[in-house]
PDB file of N, CA and C in Angstrom:
ATOM      1  N   MET A   1      17.344  14.566 -18.098  1.00  0.00           N
ATOM      2  CA  MET A   1      17.585  13.289 -17.470  1.00  0.00           C
ATOM      3  C   MET A   1      17.598  13.417 -15.940  1.00  0.00           C
ATOM      4  N   LYS A   2      18.243  14.492 -15.430  1.00  0.00           N
ATOM      5  CA  LYS A   2      18.266  14.689 -13.986  1.00  0.00           C
ATOM      6  C   LYS A   2      16.871  14.957 -13.447  1.00  0.00           C
ATOM      7  N   LEU A   3      16.037  15.648 -14.227  1.00  0.00           N
ATOM      8  CA  LEU A   3      14.672  15.915 -13.800  1.00  0.00           C
ATOM      9  C   LEU A   3      13.899  14.611 -13.663  1.00  0.00           C
ATOM     10  N   LYS A   4      14.087  13.683 -14.604  1.00  0.00           N
ATOM     11  CA  LYS A   4      13.410  12.387 -14.520  1.00  0.00           C
ATOM     12  C   LYS A   4      13.811  11.649 -13.254  1.00  0.00           C
ATOM     13  N   ARG A   5      15.101  11.643 -12.945  1.00  0.00           N
ATOM     14  CA  ARG A   5      15.553  10.961 -11.733  1.00  0.00           C
ATOM     15  C   ARG A   5      14.965  11.620 -10.492  1.00  0.00           C
ATOM     16  N   TYR A   6      14.917  12.940 -10.491  1.00  0.00           N
ATOM     17  CA  TYR A   6      14.362  13.675  -9.355  1.00  0.00           C
ATOM     18  C   TYR A   6      12.893  13.312  -9.158  1.00  0.00           C
ATOM     19  N   ILE A   7      12.141  13.252 -10.237  1.00  0.00           N
ATOM     20  CA  ILE A   7      10.725  12.905 -10.157  1.00  0.00           C
ATOM     21  C   ILE A   7      10.562  11.480  -9.647  1.00  0.00           C
ATOM     22  N   ILE A   8      11.388  10.570 -10.116  1.00  0.00           N
ATOM     23  CA  ILE A   8      11.308   9.177  -9.673  1.00  0.00           C
ATOM     24  C   ILE A   8      11.672   9.074  -8.199  1.00  0.00           C
ATOM     25  N   ILE A   9      12.669   9.825  -7.769  1.00  0.00           N
ATOM     26  CA  ILE A   9      13.042   9.811  -6.356  1.00  0.00           C
ATOM     27  C   ILE A   9      11.911  10.349  -5.498  1.00  0.00           C
ATOM     28  N   LEU A  10      11.272  11.413  -5.942  1.00  0.00           N
ATOM     29  CA  LEU A  10      10.128  11.952  -5.198  1.00  0.00           C
ATOM     30  C   LEU A  10       8.993  10.932  -5.136  1.00  0.00           C
ATOM     31  N   ALA A  11       8.745  10.242  -6.238  1.00  0.00           N
ATOM     32  CA  ALA A  11       7.707   9.206  -6.245  1.00  0.00           C
ATOM     33  C   ALA A  11       8.069   8.096  -5.271  1.00  0.00           C
ATOM     34  N   LEU A  12       9.336   7.704  -5.253  1.00  0.00           N
ATOM     35  CA  LEU A  12       9.804   6.668  -4.334  1.00  0.00           C
ATOM     36  C   LEU A  12       9.550   7.084  -2.894  1.00  0.00           C
ATOM     37  N   VAL A  13       9.901   8.302  -2.560  1.00  0.00           N
ATOM     38  CA  VAL A  13       9.707   8.789  -1.194  1.00  0.00           C
ATOM     39  C   VAL A  13       8.227   8.778  -0.824  1.00  0.00           C
ATOM     40  N   ALA A  14       7.391   9.290  -1.709  1.00  0.00           N
ATOM     41  CA  ALA A  14       5.953   9.333  -1.430  1.00  0.00           C
ATOM     42  C   ALA A  14       5.390   7.935  -1.237  1.00  0.00           C
ATOM     43  N   VAL A  15       5.762   7.026  -2.117  1.00  0.00           N
ATOM     44  CA  VAL A  15       5.264   5.652  -2.036  1.00  0.00           C
ATOM     45  C   VAL A  15       5.789   4.972  -0.780  1.00  0.00           C
ATOM     46  N   ALA A  16       7.050   5.195  -0.434  1.00  0.00           N
ATOM     47  CA  ALA A  16       7.618   4.577   0.763  1.00  0.00           C
ATOM     48  C   ALA A  16       6.890   5.034   2.021  1.00  0.00           C
ATOM     49  N   ILE A  17       6.589   6.304   2.082  1.00  0.00           N
ATOM     50  CA  ILE A  17       5.887   6.830   3.252  1.00  0.00           C
ATOM     51  C   ILE A  17       4.486   6.240   3.360  1.00  0.00           C
ATOM     52  N   VAL A  18       3.784   6.174   2.248  1.00  0.00           N
ATOM     53  CA  VAL A  18       2.431   5.598   2.252  1.00  0.00           C
ATOM     54  C   VAL A  18       2.495   4.118   2.598  1.00  0.00           C
ATOM     55  N   LEU A  19       3.449   3.388   1.991  1.00  0.00           N
ATOM     56  CA  LEU A  19       3.569   1.961   2.247  1.00  0.00           C
ATOM     57  C   LEU A  19       3.904   1.704   3.708  1.00  0.00           C
ATOM     58  N   ALA A  20       4.783   2.490   4.275  1.00  0.00           N
ATOM     59  CA  ALA A  20       5.116   2.326   5.693  1.00  0.00           C
ATOM     60  C   ALA A  20       3.879   2.568   6.552  1.00  0.00           C
ATOM     61  N   GLY A  21       3.083   3.544   6.174  1.00  0.00           N
ATOM     62  CA  GLY A  21       1.850   3.813   6.903  1.00  0.00           C
ATOM     63  C   GLY A  21       0.885   2.655   6.834  1.00  0.00           C
ATOM     64  N   VAL A  22       0.780   2.045   5.670  1.00  0.00           N
ATOM     65  CA  VAL A  22      -0.098   0.885   5.500  1.00  0.00           C
ATOM     66  C   VAL A  22       0.398  -0.276   6.339  1.00  0.00           C
ATOM     67  N   LEU A  23       1.702  -0.500   6.351  1.00  0.00           N
ATOM     68  CA  LEU A  23       2.255  -1.646   7.065  1.00  0.00           C
ATOM     69  C   LEU A  23       2.205  -1.504   8.576  1.00  0.00           C
ATOM     70  N   ARG A  24       2.417  -0.294   9.074  1.00  0.00           N
ATOM     71  CA  ARG A  24       2.473  -0.146  10.525  1.00  0.00           C
ATOM     72  C   ARG A  24       1.109  -0.068  11.171  1.00  0.00           C
ATOM     73  N   LEU A  25       0.088   0.228  10.391  1.00  0.00           N
ATOM     74  CA  LEU A  25      -1.289   0.287  10.847  1.00  0.00           C
ATOM     75  C   LEU A  25      -1.436   1.086  12.136  1.00  0.00           C
ATOM     76  N   SER A  26      -1.482   0.431  13.280  1.00  0.00           N
ATOM     77  CA  SER A  26      -1.757   1.144  14.521  1.00  0.00           C
ATOM     78  C   SER A  26      -0.495   1.527  15.296  1.00  0.00           C
ATOM     79  N   ARG A  27       0.660   1.188  14.812  1.00  0.00           N
ATOM     80  CA  ARG A  27       1.900   1.496  15.530  1.00  0.00           C
ATOM     81  C   ARG A  27       2.385   2.888  15.126  1.00  0.00           C
ATOM     82  N   HIS A  28       1.874   3.912  15.722  1.00  0.00           N
ATOM     83  CA  HIS A  28       2.135   5.291  15.338  1.00  0.00           C
ATOM     84  C   HIS A  28       3.457   5.846  15.865  1.00  0.00           C
ATOM     85  N   GLU A  29       4.184   5.079  16.654  1.00  0.00           N
ATOM     86  CA  GLU A  29       5.373   5.632  17.273  1.00  0.00           C
ATOM     87  C   GLU A  29       6.578   5.703  16.335  1.00  0.00           C
ATOM     88  N   HIS A  30       6.516   5.110  15.162  1.00  0.00           N
ATOM     89  CA  HIS A  30       7.648   5.099  14.244  1.00  0.00           C
ATOM     90  C   HIS A  30       7.280   5.765  12.921  1.00  0.00           C
ATOM     91  N   THR A  31       8.205   6.533  12.394  1.00  0.00           N
ATOM     92  CA  THR A  31       8.007   7.150  11.089  1.00  0.00           C
ATOM     93  C   THR A  31       9.219   6.868  10.213  1.00  0.00           C
ATOM     94  N   VAL A  32       9.043   7.036   8.915  1.00  0.00           N
ATOM     95  CA  VAL A  32      10.116   6.801   7.955  1.00  0.00           C
ATOM     96  C   VAL A  32      10.862   8.113   7.730  1.00  0.00           C
ATOM     97  N   ASP A  33      12.185   8.052   7.812  1.00  0.00           N
ATOM     98  CA  ASP A  33      13.018   9.196   7.465  1.00  0.00           C
ATOM     99  C   ASP A  33      13.272   9.091   5.965  1.00  0.00           C
ATOM    100  N   SER A  34      12.439   9.755   5.191  1.00  0.00           N
ATOM    101  CA  SER A  34      12.489   9.614   3.736  1.00  0.00           C
ATOM    102  C   SER A  34      13.817  10.084   3.156  1.00  0.00           C
ATOM    103  N   GLU A  35      14.397  11.125   3.720  1.00  0.00           N
ATOM    104  CA  GLU A  35      15.694  11.595   3.219  1.00  0.00           C
ATOM    105  C   GLU A  35      16.763  10.533   3.408  1.00  0.00           C
ATOM    106  N   ARG A  36      16.736   9.872   4.546  1.00  0.00           N
ATOM    107  CA  ARG A  36      17.727   8.815   4.830  1.00  0.00           C
ATOM    108  C   ARG A  36      17.554   7.645   3.859  1.00  0.00           C
ATOM    109  N   LEU A  37      16.313   7.294   3.587  1.00  0.00           N
ATOM    110  CA  LEU A  37      16.027   6.209   2.654  1.00  0.00           C
ATOM    111  C   LEU A  37      16.541   6.547   1.256  1.00  0.00           C
ATOM    112  N   VAL A  38      16.256   7.741   0.782  1.00  0.00           N
ATOM    113  CA  VAL A  38      16.711   8.157  -0.549  1.00  0.00           C
ATOM    114  C   VAL A  38      18.231   8.207  -0.597  1.00  0.00           C
ATOM    115  N   GLU A  39      18.862   8.731   0.448  1.00  0.00           N
ATOM    116  CA  GLU A  39      20.325   8.812   0.472  1.00  0.00           C
ATOM    117  C   GLU A  39      20.958   7.422   0.472  1.00  0.00           C
ATOM    118  N   ALA A  40      20.349   6.470   1.164  1.00  0.00           N
ATOM    119  CA  ALA A  40      20.876   5.105   1.184  1.00  0.00           C
ATOM    120  C   ALA A  40      20.813   4.481  -0.206  1.00  0.00           C
ATOM    121  N   VAL A  41      19.700   4.670  -0.890  1.00  0.00           N
ATOM    122  CA  VAL A  41      19.558   4.126  -2.251  1.00  0.00           C
ATOM    123  C   VAL A  41      20.553   4.815  -3.188  1.00  0.00           C
ATOM    124  N   ARG A  42      20.684   6.107  -3.044  1.00  0.00           N
ATOM    125  CA  ARG A  42      21.636   6.852  -3.888  1.00  0.00           C
ATOM    126  C   ARG A  42      23.069   6.369  -3.634  1.00  0.00           C
ATOM    127  N   ALA A  43      23.438   6.182  -2.370  1.00  0.00           N
ATOM    128  CA  ALA A  43      24.783   5.701  -2.041  1.00  0.00           C
ATOM    129  C   ALA A  43      25.014   4.298  -2.596  1.00  0.00           C
ATOM    130  N   PHE A  44      23.999   3.467  -2.535  1.00  0.00           N
ATOM    131  CA  PHE A  44      24.091   2.108  -3.091  1.00  0.00           C
ATOM    132  C   PHE A  44      24.379   2.179  -4.589  1.00  0.00           C
ATOM    133  N   ALA A  45      23.642   3.031  -5.294  1.00  0.00           N
ATOM    134  CA  ALA A  45      23.837   3.171  -6.742  1.00  0.00           C
ATOM    135  C   ALA A  45      25.211   3.748  -7.069  1.00  0.00           C
ATOM    136  N   LEU A  46      25.643   4.751  -6.317  1.00  0.00           N
ATOM    137  CA  LEU A  46      26.952   5.359  -6.554  1.00  0.00           C
ATOM    138  C   LEU A  46      28.081   4.369  -6.296  1.00  0.00           C
ATOM    139  N   ASP A  47      27.913   3.506  -5.289  1.00  0.00           N
ATOM    140  CA  ASP A  47      28.917   2.483  -5.000  1.00  0.00           C
ATOM    141  C   ASP A  47      29.061   1.526  -6.176  1.00  0.00           C
ATOM    142  N   HIS A  48      27.948   1.135  -6.764  1.00  0.00           N
ATOM    143  CA  HIS A  48      28.011   0.250  -7.937  1.00  0.00           C
ATOM    144  C   HIS A  48      28.703   0.941  -9.104  1.00  0.00           C
ATOM    145  N   ARG A  49      28.379   2.205  -9.301  1.00  0.00           N
ATOM    146  CA  ARG A  49      29.007   2.956 -10.389  1.00  0.00           C
ATOM    147  C   ARG A  49      30.518   3.057 -10.161  1.00  0.00           C
ATOM    148  N   ALA A  50      30.927   3.350  -8.924  1.00  0.00           N
ATOM    149  CA  ALA A  50      32.348   3.497  -8.601  1.00  0.00           C
ATOM    150  C   ALA A  50      33.106   2.187  -8.803  1.00  0.00           C
ATOM    151  N   ARG A  51      32.463   1.085  -8.526  1.00  0.00           N
ATOM    152  CA  ARG A  51      33.090  -0.232  -8.706  1.00  0.00           C
ATOM    153  C   ARG A  51      33.051  -0.712 -10.153  1.00  0.00           C
ATOM    154  N   GLY A  52      32.242  -0.039 -10.967  1.00  0.00           N
ATOM    155  CA  GLY A  52      32.110  -0.455 -12.361  1.00  0.00           C
ATOM    156  C   GLY A  52      31.252  -1.688 -12.522  1.00  0.00           C
ATOM    157  N   THR A  53      30.383  -1.938 -11.529  1.00  0.00           N
ATOM    158  CA  THR A  53      29.490  -3.093 -11.611  1.00  0.00           C
ATOM    159  C   THR A  53      28.099  -2.643 -12.018  1.00  0.00           C
ATOM    160  N   GLN A  54      27.388  -3.566 -12.632  1.00  0.00           N
ATOM    161  CA  GLN A  54      26.038  -3.247 -13.086  1.00  0.00           C
ATOM    162  C   GLN A  54      25.098  -3.105 -11.897  1.00  0.00           C
ATOM    163  N   LEU A  55      24.270  -2.084 -11.939  1.00  0.00           N
ATOM    164  CA  LEU A  55      23.283  -1.858 -10.894  1.00  0.00           C
ATOM    165  C   LEU A  55      22.203  -2.930 -11.008  1.00  0.00           C
ATOM    166  N   PRO A  56      21.888  -3.621  -9.909  1.00  0.00           N
ATOM    167  CA  PRO A  56      20.821  -4.620  -9.980  1.00  0.00           C
ATOM    168  C   PRO A  56      19.465  -3.934 -10.170  1.00  0.00           C
ATOM    169  N   ALA A  57      18.474  -4.714 -10.542  1.00  0.00           N
ATOM    170  CA  ALA A  57      17.135  -4.169 -10.771  1.00  0.00           C
ATOM    171  C   ALA A  57      16.513  -3.660  -9.479  1.00  0.00           C
ATOM    172  N   SER A  58      16.887  -4.268  -8.347  1.00  0.00           N
ATOM    173  CA  SER A  58      16.311  -3.854  -7.065  1.00  0.00           C
ATOM    174  C   SER A  58      17.307  -4.096  -5.944  1.00  0.00           C
ATOM    175  N   VAL A  59      17.002  -3.501  -4.799  1.00  0.00           N
ATOM    176  CA  VAL A  59      17.793  -3.712  -3.587  1.00  0.00           C
ATOM    177  C   VAL A  59      16.818  -3.816  -2.420  1.00  0.00           C
ATOM    178  N   THR A  60      17.111  -4.723  -1.494  1.00  0.00           N
ATOM    179  CA  THR A  60      16.255  -4.868  -0.312  1.00  0.00           C
ATOM    180  C   THR A  60      16.744  -3.940   0.792  1.00  0.00           C
ATOM    181  N   LEU A  61      15.839  -3.609   1.684  1.00  0.00           N
ATOM    182  CA  LEU A  61      16.241  -2.816   2.839  1.00  0.00           C
ATOM    183  C   LEU A  61      17.243  -3.590   3.689  1.00  0.00           C
ATOM    184  N   THR A  62      17.101  -4.904   3.730  1.00  0.00           N
ATOM    185  CA  THR A  62      18.045  -5.753   4.463  1.00  0.00           C
ATOM    186  C   THR A  62      19.458  -5.588   3.922  1.00  0.00           C
ATOM    187  N   GLU A  63      19.600  -5.522   2.602  1.00  0.00           N
ATOM    188  CA  GLU A  63      20.926  -5.335   2.005  1.00  0.00           C
ATOM    189  C   GLU A  63      21.472  -3.948   2.326  1.00  0.00           C
ATOM    190  N   LEU A  64      20.613  -2.944   2.303  1.00  0.00           N
ATOM    191  CA  LEU A  64      21.062  -1.593   2.644  1.00  0.00           C
ATOM    192  C   LEU A  64      21.532  -1.530   4.101  1.00  0.00           C
ATOM    193  N   ILE A  65      20.882  -2.286   4.976  1.00  0.00           N
ATOM    194  CA  ILE A  65      21.314  -2.367   6.375  1.00  0.00           C
ATOM    195  C   ILE A  65      22.657  -3.080   6.461  1.00  0.00           C
ATOM    196  N   SER A  66      22.798  -4.210   5.765  1.00  0.00           N
ATOM    197  CA  SER A  66      24.037  -4.986   5.843  1.00  0.00           C
ATOM    198  C   SER A  66      25.235  -4.213   5.301  1.00  0.00           C
ATOM    199  N   ARG A  67      25.004  -3.266   4.397  1.00  0.00           N
ATOM    200  CA  ARG A  67      26.089  -2.430   3.854  1.00  0.00           C
ATOM    201  C   ARG A  67      26.334  -1.195   4.716  1.00  0.00           C
ATOM    202  N   GLY A  68      25.563  -1.043   5.788  1.00  0.00           N
ATOM    203  CA  GLY A  68      25.744   0.083   6.681  1.00  0.00           C
ATOM    204  C   GLY A  68      25.139   1.387   6.179  1.00  0.00           C
ATOM    205  N   LEU A  69      24.260   1.306   5.182  1.00  0.00           N
ATOM    206  CA  LEU A  69      23.645   2.509   4.621  1.00  0.00           C
ATOM    207  C   LEU A  69      22.377   2.913   5.364  1.00  0.00           C
ATOM    208  N   LEU A  70      21.773   1.967   6.055  1.00  0.00           N
ATOM    209  CA  LEU A  70      20.599   2.203   6.898  1.00  0.00           C
ATOM    210  C   LEU A  70      20.782   1.409   8.180  1.00  0.00           C
ATOM    211  N   SER A  71      20.042   1.786   9.200  1.00  0.00           N
ATOM    212  CA  SER A  71      20.034   1.000  10.441  1.00  0.00           C
ATOM    213  C   SER A  71      18.695   0.263  10.529  1.00  0.00           C
ATOM    214  N   ALA A  72      18.645  -0.724  11.390  1.00  0.00           N
ATOM    215  CA  ALA A  72      17.389  -1.447  11.608  1.00  0.00           C
ATOM    216  C   ALA A  72      16.313  -0.494  12.116  1.00  0.00           C
ATOM    217  N   GLU A  73      16.714   0.493  12.888  1.00  0.00           N
ATOM    218  CA  GLU A  73      15.765   1.489  13.409  1.00  0.00           C
ATOM    219  C   GLU A  73      15.166   2.324  12.276  1.00  0.00           C
ATOM    220  N   ASP A  74      15.981   2.609  11.246  1.00  0.00           N
ATOM    221  CA  ASP A  74      15.500   3.398  10.109  1.00  0.00           C
ATOM    222  C   ASP A  74      14.339   2.729   9.385  1.00  0.00           C
ATOM    223  N   VAL A  75      14.347   1.406   9.350  1.00  0.00           N
ATOM    224  CA  VAL A  75      13.337   0.677   8.571  1.00  0.00           C
ATOM    225  C   VAL A  75      12.300  -0.013   9.454  1.00  0.00           C
ATOM    226  N   LYS A  76      12.303   0.302  10.727  1.00  0.00           N
ATOM    227  CA  LYS A  76      11.360  -0.317  11.662  1.00  0.00           C
ATOM    228  C   LYS A  76       9.898  -0.179  11.240  1.00  0.00           C
ATOM    229  N   PRO A  77       9.485   0.956  10.650  1.00  0.00           N
ATOM    230  CA  PRO A  77       8.080   1.065  10.231  1.00  0.00           C
ATOM    231  C   PRO A  77       7.659   0.025   9.186  1.00  0.00           C
ATOM    232  N   PHE A  78       8.626  -0.552   8.488  1.00  0.00           N
ATOM    233  CA  PHE A  78       8.297  -1.533   7.457  1.00  0.00           C
ATOM    234  C   PHE A  78       8.161  -2.952   8.023  1.00  0.00           C
ATOM    235  N   ALA A  79       8.588  -3.172   9.260  1.00  0.00           N
ATOM    236  CA  ALA A  79       8.543  -4.506   9.854  1.00  0.00           C
ATOM    237  C   ALA A  79       7.100  -4.980   9.952  1.00  0.00           C
ATOM    238  N   PRO A  80       6.845  -6.237   9.720  1.00  0.00           N
ATOM    239  CA  PRO A  80       7.759  -7.351   9.496  1.00  0.00           C
ATOM    240  C   PRO A  80       7.963  -7.676   8.017  1.00  0.00           C
ATOM    241  N   ALA A  81       7.662  -6.759   7.145  1.00  0.00           N
ATOM    242  CA  ALA A  81       7.747  -7.019   5.707  1.00  0.00           C
ATOM    243  C   ALA A  81       9.188  -7.018   5.213  1.00  0.00           C
ATOM    244  N   GLU A  82       9.437  -7.751   4.154  1.00  0.00           N
ATOM    245  CA  GLU A  82      10.713  -7.696   3.437  1.00  0.00           C
ATOM    246  C   GLU A  82      10.482  -6.750   2.267  1.00  0.00           C
ATOM    247  N   VAL A  83      11.168  -5.621   2.282  1.00  0.00           N
ATOM    248  CA  VAL A  83      10.918  -4.564   1.308  1.00  0.00           C
ATOM    249  C   VAL A  83      12.040  -4.486   0.284  1.00  0.00           C
ATOM    250  N   SER A  84      11.644  -4.384  -0.978  1.00  0.00           N
ATOM    251  CA  SER A  84      12.594  -4.196  -2.082  1.00  0.00           C
ATOM    252  C   SER A  84      12.292  -2.874  -2.769  1.00  0.00           C
ATOM    253  N   ILE A  85      13.348  -2.155  -3.116  1.00  0.00           N
ATOM    254  CA  ILE A  85      13.215  -0.911  -3.863  1.00  0.00           C
ATOM    255  C   ILE A  85      13.746  -1.166  -5.259  1.00  0.00           C
ATOM    256  N   TRP A  86      12.918  -0.892  -6.247  1.00  0.00           N
ATOM    257  CA  TRP A  86      13.292  -1.126  -7.644  1.00  0.00           C
ATOM    258  C   TRP A  86      14.071   0.081  -8.148  1.00  0.00           C
ATOM    259  N   LEU A  87      15.209  -0.165  -8.732  1.00  0.00           N
ATOM    260  CA  LEU A  87      16.135   0.892  -9.120  1.00  0.00           C
ATOM    261  C   LEU A  87      16.029   1.285 -10.584  1.00  0.00           C
ATOM    262  N   THR A  88      15.178   0.627 -11.310  1.00  0.00           N
ATOM    263  CA  THR A  88      15.084   0.862 -12.760  1.00  0.00           C
ATOM    264  C   THR A  88      13.755   1.497 -13.144  1.00  0.00           C
ATOM    265  N   SER A  89      13.168   2.237 -12.237  1.00  0.00           N
ATOM    266  CA  SER A  89      11.862   2.841 -12.501  1.00  0.00           C
ATOM    267  C   SER A  89      11.957   3.879 -13.606  1.00  0.00           C
ATOM    268  N   ASP A  90      10.863   4.008 -14.333  1.00  0.00           N
ATOM    269  CA  ASP A  90      10.800   4.927 -15.456  1.00  0.00           C
ATOM    270  C   ASP A  90       9.450   5.641 -15.395  1.00  0.00           C
ATOM    271  N   GLU A  91       9.487   6.965 -15.253  1.00  0.00           N
ATOM    272  CA  GLU A  91       8.246   7.727 -15.095  1.00  0.00           C
ATOM    273  C   GLU A  91       7.303   7.591 -16.279  1.00  0.00           C
ATOM    274  N   SER A  92       7.809   7.188 -17.432  1.00  0.00           N
ATOM    275  CA  SER A  92       6.939   7.035 -18.605  1.00  0.00           C
ATOM    276  C   SER A  92       6.100   5.764 -18.513  1.00  0.00           C
ATOM    277  N   ARG A  93       6.391   4.919 -17.512  1.00  0.00           N
ATOM    278  CA  ARG A  93       5.618   3.690 -17.299  1.00  0.00           C
ATOM    279  C   ARG A  93       4.988   3.754 -15.907  1.00  0.00           C
ATOM    280  N   PRO A  94       3.798   4.351 -15.813  1.00  0.00           N
ATOM    281  CA  PRO A  94       3.181   4.613 -14.507  1.00  0.00           C
ATOM    282  C   PRO A  94       2.822   3.364 -13.713  1.00  0.00           C
ATOM    283  N   ASN A  95       2.722   2.217 -14.345  1.00  0.00           N
ATOM    284  CA  ASN A  95       2.373   0.989 -13.628  1.00  0.00           C
ATOM    285  C   ASN A  95       3.590   0.171 -13.220  1.00  0.00           C
ATOM    286  N   GLN A  96       4.759   0.761 -13.315  1.00  0.00           N
ATOM    287  CA  GLN A  96       5.982   0.062 -12.945  1.00  0.00           C
ATOM    288  C   GLN A  96       6.175   0.119 -11.429  1.00  0.00           C
ATOM    289  N   ILE A  97       6.646  -0.982 -10.857  1.00  0.00           N
ATOM    290  CA  ILE A  97       6.865  -1.063  -9.411  1.00  0.00           C
ATOM    291  C   ILE A  97       8.086  -0.240  -9.016  1.00  0.00           C
ATOM    292  N   VAL A  98       7.922   0.558  -7.950  1.00  0.00           N
ATOM    293  CA  VAL A  98       9.010   1.347  -7.383  1.00  0.00           C
ATOM    294  C   VAL A  98       9.479   0.709  -6.078  1.00  0.00           C
ATOM    295  N   ILE A  99       8.519   0.244  -5.282  1.00  0.00           N
ATOM    296  CA  ILE A  99       8.826  -0.380  -4.003  1.00  0.00           C
ATOM    297  C   ILE A  99       7.829  -1.512  -3.775  1.00  0.00           C
ATOM    298  N   GLU A 100       8.321  -2.616  -3.217  1.00  0.00           N
ATOM    299  CA  GLU A 100       7.465  -3.785  -2.988  1.00  0.00           C
ATOM    300  C   GLU A 100       7.715  -4.330  -1.596  1.00  0.00           C
ATOM    301  N   ALA A 101       6.638  -4.678  -0.907  1.00  0.00           N
ATOM    302  CA  ALA A 101       6.738  -5.275   0.422  1.00  0.00           C
ATOM    303  C   ALA A 101       6.117  -6.659   0.386  1.00  0.00           C
ATOM    304  N   ARG A 102       6.892  -7.648   0.832  1.00  0.00           N
ATOM    305  CA  ARG A 102       6.395  -9.022   0.955  1.00  0.00           C
ATOM    306  C   ARG A 102       6.144  -9.261   2.436  1.00  0.00           C
ATOM    307  N   LEU A 103       4.878  -9.526   2.754  1.00  0.00           N
ATOM    308  CA  LEU A 103       4.473  -9.723   4.145  1.00  0.00           C
ATOM    309  C   LEU A 103       4.708 -11.168   4.575  1.00  0.00           C
ATOM    310  N   PRO A 104       4.771 -11.430   5.868  1.00  0.00           N
ATOM    311  CA  PRO A 104       5.037 -12.789   6.350  1.00  0.00           C
ATOM    312  C   PRO A 104       4.053 -13.836   5.826  1.00  0.00           C
ATOM    313  N   ASP A 105       2.820 -13.448   5.529  1.00  0.00           N
ATOM    314  CA  ASP A 105       1.841 -14.417   5.018  1.00  0.00           C
ATOM    315  C   ASP A 105       1.994 -14.667   3.516  1.00  0.00           C
ATOM    316  N   GLY A 106       2.990 -14.023   2.891  1.00  0.00           N
ATOM    317  CA  GLY A 106       3.242 -14.220   1.466  1.00  0.00           C
ATOM    318  C   GLY A 106       2.574 -13.184   0.575  1.00  0.00           C
ATOM    319  N   SER A 107       1.675 -12.400   1.117  1.00  0.00           N
ATOM    320  CA  SER A 107       1.034 -11.378   0.290  1.00  0.00           C
ATOM    321  C   SER A 107       2.041 -10.273  -0.024  1.00  0.00           C
ATOM    322  N   ARG A 108       1.783  -9.570  -1.112  1.00  0.00           N
ATOM    323  CA  ARG A 108       2.701  -8.534  -1.580  1.00  0.00           C
ATOM    324  C   ARG A 108       1.951  -7.242  -1.854  1.00  0.00           C
ATOM    325  N   ILE A 109       2.533  -6.138  -1.423  1.00  0.00           N
ATOM    326  CA  ILE A 109       1.987  -4.815  -1.675  1.00  0.00           C
ATOM    327  C   ILE A 109       3.061  -4.040  -2.422  1.00  0.00           C
ATOM    328  N   ALA A 110       2.657  -3.304  -3.449  1.00  0.00           N
ATOM    329  CA  ALA A 110       3.635  -2.555  -4.230  1.00  0.00           C
ATOM    330  C   ALA A 110       3.200  -1.112  -4.415  1.00  0.00           C
ATOM    331  N   GLY A 111       4.180  -0.244  -4.453  1.00  0.00           N
ATOM    332  CA  GLY A 111       3.969   1.149  -4.811  1.00  0.00           C
ATOM    333  C   GLY A 111       4.439   1.335  -6.243  1.00  0.00           C
ATOM    334  N   LEU A 112       3.622   1.980  -7.038  1.00  0.00           N
ATOM    335  CA  LEU A 112       3.938   2.154  -8.457  1.00  0.00           C
ATOM    336  C   LEU A 112       4.484   3.550  -8.738  1.00  0.00           C
ATOM    337  N   THR A 113       5.068   3.705  -9.904  1.00  0.00           N
ATOM    338  CA  THR A 113       5.661   4.980 -10.314  1.00  0.00           C
ATOM    339  C   THR A 113       4.661   6.121 -10.216  1.00  0.00           C
ATOM    340  N   ASP A 114       3.391   5.858 -10.494  1.00  0.00           N
ATOM    341  CA  ASP A 114       2.387   6.928 -10.455  1.00  0.00           C
ATOM    342  C   ASP A 114       1.945   7.266  -9.031  1.00  0.00           C
ATOM    343  N   GLY A 115       2.528   6.589  -8.019  1.00  0.00           N
ATOM    344  CA  GLY A 115       2.202   6.875  -6.634  1.00  0.00           C
ATOM    345  C   GLY A 115       1.099   6.004  -6.049  1.00  0.00           C
ATOM    346  N   SER A 116       0.485   5.157  -6.860  1.00  0.00           N
ATOM    347  CA  SER A 116      -0.584   4.303  -6.355  1.00  0.00           C
ATOM    348  C   SER A 116       0.000   3.074  -5.638  1.00  0.00           C
ATOM    349  N   ILE A 117      -0.822   2.503  -4.770  1.00  0.00           N
ATOM    350  CA  ILE A 117      -0.467   1.299  -4.020  1.00  0.00           C
ATOM    351  C   ILE A 117      -1.381   0.177  -4.491  1.00  0.00           C
ATOM    352  N   VAL A 118      -0.808  -0.981  -4.806  1.00  0.00           N
ATOM    353  CA  VAL A 118      -1.604  -2.108  -5.268  1.00  0.00           C
ATOM    354  C   VAL A 118      -1.208  -3.370  -4.515  1.00  0.00           C
ATOM    355  N   GLN A 119      -2.141  -4.295  -4.415  1.00  0.00           N
ATOM    356  CA  GLN A 119      -1.830  -5.602  -3.858  1.00  0.00           C
ATOM    357  C   GLN A 119      -1.545  -6.532  -5.029  1.00  0.00           C
ATOM    358  N   LEU A 120      -0.440  -7.268  -4.928  1.00  0.00           N
ATOM    359  CA  LEU A 120      -0.040  -8.190  -5.978  1.00  0.00           C
ATOM    360  C   LEU A 120      -0.417  -9.609  -5.592  1.00  0.00           C
ATOM    361  N   ARG A 121      -0.440 -10.466  -6.581  1.00  0.00           N
ATOM    362  CA  ARG A 121      -0.714 -11.883  -6.296  1.00  0.00           C
ATOM    363  C   ARG A 121       0.443 -12.494  -5.535  1.00  0.00           C
ATOM    364  N   LYS A 122       0.112 -13.501  -4.731  1.00  0.00           N
ATOM    365  CA  LYS A 122       1.158 -14.213  -3.964  1.00  0.00           C
ATOM    366  C   LYS A 122       2.047 -14.986  -4.903  1.00  0.00           C
TER     367      LYS A 122
END
């Protein structure tokens, strides 16, 4: 079970880095601190467990910032997209969304469990 979570976390990191690269296009001055991103998601999940509340299906980077788990600077490469990280990913379902970015024009880009990036319908 721990191996599955580790693999999913690695997939999340890989997809987040690629997605940030796609979103920032020519703005090369910012990079994603993947360890910080993973730690923020892990802390979010542990907080829910400690409170005895059900873990939601996803969490936005905005919520992670509002809880003090990330800073606005940490997620700058994702701007101006609203990014959600799906917390219920399962490696046995390679087409499952791990991370999704909604762009200001309404278009959506998602990273899947298998590491691929796809454009979703508006």
